[in-house]
Amino acid sequence: FILFLCCAFLTGCGDKNTQQNGVMAYADVQAESEMNFQREGGMERVMGTQFYQGEAVQICADRSNETVEIYLYREDGSRELLVEGLAEDYYFGYWFLAGEGNLYYWRNWMVESIEKLDTSGKVVSRIPMKDMGVQQIMDMCQLADGRMFITYLEGGMGSAYTLAEVHSAAGKVSKVNTVKLDGMGCVA
């Protein structure tokens, strides 16, 4: 239960963290429950909702002529084209926009990998997940220092949430075994 709480709070991401005696401490966790996105008449598919550069955004995909375009929508209704000309396979899955502008993509059942794409849509790394037994990635976030984390389910029904750090440059993911949430006295 405590791990679930820690993962649930972390999925909003924070902007301060420290390491004390081998325990990672997170503070200033953002949590926003009301997001009101106005999109006009588009047939885009919502592929993710997240915080990006301090504001709530949605990542959406539009499929036409056997290609996919990925857009960033802001709450004010404005949109920005992030990448275009992707294969139709990218219309089915989830997206996360990292602070430096790279995109992360994964299909969310029996996850085989997380792909990191640059702003031109080129896959720059593929992080294998199949051997970790990941059933479903629940969320991804990025801390202010650039580190990326995911929460995921491994195993079958009733399995617990697991927290892991994504090391895209090394092409790997490592489980985080101990998490302390500052100000809450919570250690998992």
Protein backbone atom coordinates (compact mmCIF):
# COMPACT_ATOMS: atom_id res chain seq x y z
CA PHE A 1 0.00 0.00 0.00
CA ILE A 2 2.77 2.46 0.87
CA LEU A 3 4.57 1.69 -2.40
CA PHE A 4 1.34 2.38 -4.26
CA LEU A 5 1.03 5.77 -2.53
CA CYS A 6 4.64 6.62 -3.30
CA CYS A 7 4.20 5.69 -6.94
CA ALA A 8 0.90 7.54 -7.19
CA PHE A 9 2.41 10.73 -5.80
CA LEU A 10 5.54 10.41 -7.92
CA THR A 11 3.63 10.12 -11.16
CA GLY A 12 2.88 13.85 -10.98
CA CYS A 13 6.66 14.42 -10.83
CA GLY A 14 8.55 16.77 -8.62
CA ASP A 15 11.20 19.36 -9.00
CA LYS A 16 13.48 18.80 -6.00
CA ASN A 17 15.22 15.62 -4.99
CA THR A 18 18.16 14.56 -2.88
CA GLN A 19 19.82 11.34 -1.92
CA GLN A 20 20.39 10.67 1.77
CA ASN A 21 21.98 7.46 3.06
CA GLY A 22 21.11 5.63 -0.16
CA VAL A 23 17.46 6.68 0.04
CA MET A 24 16.08 8.89 -2.73
CA ALA A 25 13.95 11.76 -1.36
CA TYR A 26 11.43 13.63 -3.53
CA ALA A 27 9.81 16.93 -2.67
CA ASP A 28 7.46 19.44 -4.28
CA VAL A 29 5.45 16.78 -6.04
CA GLN A 30 2.99 18.34 -8.45
CA ALA A 31 -0.53 17.00 -8.50
CA GLU A 32 -3.21 18.46 -10.71
CA SER A 33 -6.60 16.84 -10.86
CA GLU A 34 -8.51 19.27 -13.07
CA MET A 35 -7.37 19.64 -16.64
CA ASN A 36 -9.70 21.15 -19.18
CA PHE A 37 -8.48 20.73 -22.74
CA GLN A 38 -10.41 22.38 -25.54
CA ARG A 39 -9.79 20.89 -28.96
CA GLU A 40 -11.82 22.04 -31.93
CA GLY A 41 -13.35 19.30 -34.03
CA GLY A 42 -10.19 17.26 -34.49
CA MET A 43 -10.24 13.49 -34.67
CA GLU A 44 -6.95 13.20 -32.79
CA ARG A 45 -6.47 10.34 -30.38
CA VAL A 46 -5.24 11.30 -26.89
CA MET A 47 -1.97 9.43 -26.31
CA GLY A 48 -0.97 10.94 -22.97
CA THR A 49 -1.60 13.75 -20.49
CA GLN A 50 1.32 15.19 -18.56
CA PHE A 51 3.08 18.27 -17.25
CA TYR A 52 5.53 19.81 -19.71
CA GLN A 53 7.58 22.88 -18.83
CA GLY A 54 5.28 23.65 -15.92
CA GLU A 55 1.93 23.35 -17.68
CA ALA A 56 -0.58 20.57 -18.23
CA VAL A 57 -0.55 19.29 -21.82
CA GLN A 58 -1.94 16.45 -23.87
CA ILE A 59 -0.07 14.49 -26.51
CA CYS A 60 -2.40 13.52 -29.36
CA ALA A 61 -2.00 11.54 -32.58
CA ASP A 62 -3.71 12.19 -35.89
CA ARG A 63 -3.74 9.49 -38.57
CA SER A 64 -4.21 10.28 -42.24
CA ASN A 65 -2.88 8.88 -45.53
CA GLU A 66 -1.21 5.95 -43.73
CA THR A 67 0.98 8.27 -41.63
CA VAL A 68 0.73 9.67 -38.13
CA GLU A 69 1.34 13.17 -36.80
CA ILE A 70 1.92 13.80 -33.09
CA TYR A 71 0.66 17.07 -31.58
CA LEU A 72 1.03 18.84 -28.26
CA TYR A 73 -2.21 20.45 -27.02
CA ARG A 74 -2.32 23.11 -24.34
CA GLU A 75 -5.29 23.90 -22.11
CA ASP A 76 -5.90 27.16 -24.04
CA GLY A 77 -6.69 25.08 -27.15
CA SER A 78 -3.48 25.84 -29.02
CA ARG A 79 -1.58 22.99 -30.60
CA GLU A 80 1.93 22.40 -31.85
CA LEU A 81 3.09 19.76 -34.32
CA LEU A 82 5.79 17.68 -32.63
CA VAL A 83 6.56 15.12 -35.32
CA GLU A 84 5.02 14.05 -38.63
CA GLY A 85 5.24 11.22 -41.13
CA LEU A 86 5.40 8.35 -38.64
CA ALA A 87 4.27 4.83 -39.53
CA GLU A 88 0.68 3.89 -38.62
CA ASP A 89 1.94 1.63 -35.82
CA TYR A 90 2.63 4.76 -33.76
CA TYR A 91 -1.10 5.54 -33.63
CA PHE A 92 -1.59 2.76 -31.08
CA GLY A 93 0.27 3.29 -27.84
CA TYR A 94 1.31 5.99 -25.41
CA TRP A 95 3.58 9.02 -25.70
CA PHE A 96 5.59 11.16 -23.29
CA LEU A 97 7.33 14.43 -24.19
CA ALA A 98 10.61 14.94 -22.33
CA GLY A 99 11.91 18.38 -21.37
CA GLU A 100 14.57 18.43 -24.10
CA GLY A 101 11.92 17.76 -26.77
CA ASN A 102 12.51 14.03 -27.32
CA LEU A 103 9.49 11.75 -27.34
CA TYR A 104 9.08 8.37 -25.66
CA TYR A 105 6.67 5.80 -27.07
CA TRP A 106 5.44 2.40 -25.88
CA ARG A 107 2.61 -0.02 -26.54
CA ASN A 108 0.96 -0.79 -23.27
CA TRP A 109 0.20 -4.46 -22.93
CA MET A 110 3.03 -6.94 -22.48
CA VAL A 111 5.44 -4.05 -23.06
CA GLU A 112 8.44 -5.12 -25.14
CA SER A 113 10.30 -1.81 -25.27
CA ILE A 114 10.20 1.95 -24.80
CA GLU A 115 11.35 3.87 -27.87
CA LYS A 116 13.02 7.26 -27.66
CA LEU A 117 12.44 9.39 -30.76
CA ASP A 118 14.07 12.70 -31.63
CA THR A 119 12.14 15.69 -32.97
CA SER A 120 12.44 14.40 -36.56
CA GLY A 121 10.75 11.11 -35.58
CA LYS A 122 13.92 9.01 -35.80
CA VAL A 123 14.23 6.27 -33.17
CA VAL A 124 17.44 7.12 -31.30
CA SER A 125 17.23 4.33 -28.72
CA ARG A 126 15.11 1.33 -27.85
CA ILE A 127 14.97 0.33 -24.18
CA PRO A 128 14.13 -3.38 -23.81
CA MET A 129 11.43 -4.19 -21.26
CA LYS A 130 10.40 -7.72 -22.22
CA ASP A 131 12.77 -9.50 -19.82
CA MET A 132 11.53 -7.41 -16.87
CA GLY A 133 8.06 -8.97 -17.08
CA VAL A 134 6.37 -5.58 -17.52
CA GLN A 135 2.66 -6.04 -18.14
CA GLN A 136 1.65 -2.39 -18.35
CA ILE A 137 3.36 0.99 -17.93
CA MET A 138 1.07 3.15 -15.81
CA ASP A 139 2.91 6.46 -16.08
CA MET A 140 6.16 8.14 -17.02
CA CYS A 141 7.59 11.38 -15.65
CA GLN A 142 10.73 13.47 -15.71
CA LEU A 143 12.26 15.28 -12.74
CA ALA A 144 13.72 18.77 -13.01
CA ASP A 145 17.23 17.28 -13.12
CA GLY A 146 16.29 15.34 -16.27
CA ARG A 147 15.97 11.86 -14.77
CA MET A 148 13.08 9.80 -16.10
CA PHE A 149 10.89 7.39 -14.11
CA ILE A 150 8.09 4.96 -14.89
CA THR A 151 5.57 3.18 -12.73
CA TYR A 152 4.51 -0.18 -14.07
CA LEU A 153 2.73 -3.42 -13.29
CA GLU A 154 4.62 -6.67 -13.51
CA GLY A 155 2.98 -10.05 -13.35
CA GLY A 156 -0.71 -10.76 -13.62
CA MET A 157 -3.86 -9.46 -12.00
CA GLY A 158 -3.42 -7.99 -8.52
CA SER A 159 0.28 -7.28 -8.99
CA ALA A 160 1.87 -4.29 -7.29
CA TYR A 161 3.09 -1.09 -8.87
CA THR A 162 6.84 -0.93 -9.41
CA LEU A 163 8.90 2.24 -9.72
CA ALA A 164 11.89 2.30 -12.07
CA GLU A 165 14.35 4.83 -13.42
CA VAL A 166 14.75 4.99 -17.20
CA HIS A 167 18.33 5.32 -18.44
CA SER A 168 17.74 5.99 -22.13
CA ALA A 169 21.40 6.69 -22.96
CA ALA A 170 22.38 3.29 -21.55
CA GLY A 171 19.26 1.61 -22.97
CA LYS A 172 18.10 0.17 -19.66
CA VAL A 173 15.64 0.53 -16.81
CA SER A 174 16.48 -0.06 -13.16
CA LYS A 175 14.01 -0.68 -10.35
CA VAL A 176 13.97 1.81 -7.49
CA ASN A 177 13.76 -0.22 -4.31
CA THR A 178 13.52 2.54 -1.68
CA VAL A 179 11.61 5.81 -2.01
CA LYS A 180 11.20 8.51 0.65
CA LEU A 181 8.69 11.29 0.14
CA ASP A 182 9.90 14.37 2.04
CA GLY A 183 7.46 16.02 4.41
CA MET A 184 5.28 12.93 4.53
CA GLY A 185 7.50 10.65 6.57
CA CYS A 186 6.77 7.97 4.01
CA VAL A 187 9.45 5.41 3.17
CA ALA A 188 8.70 2.47 0.94
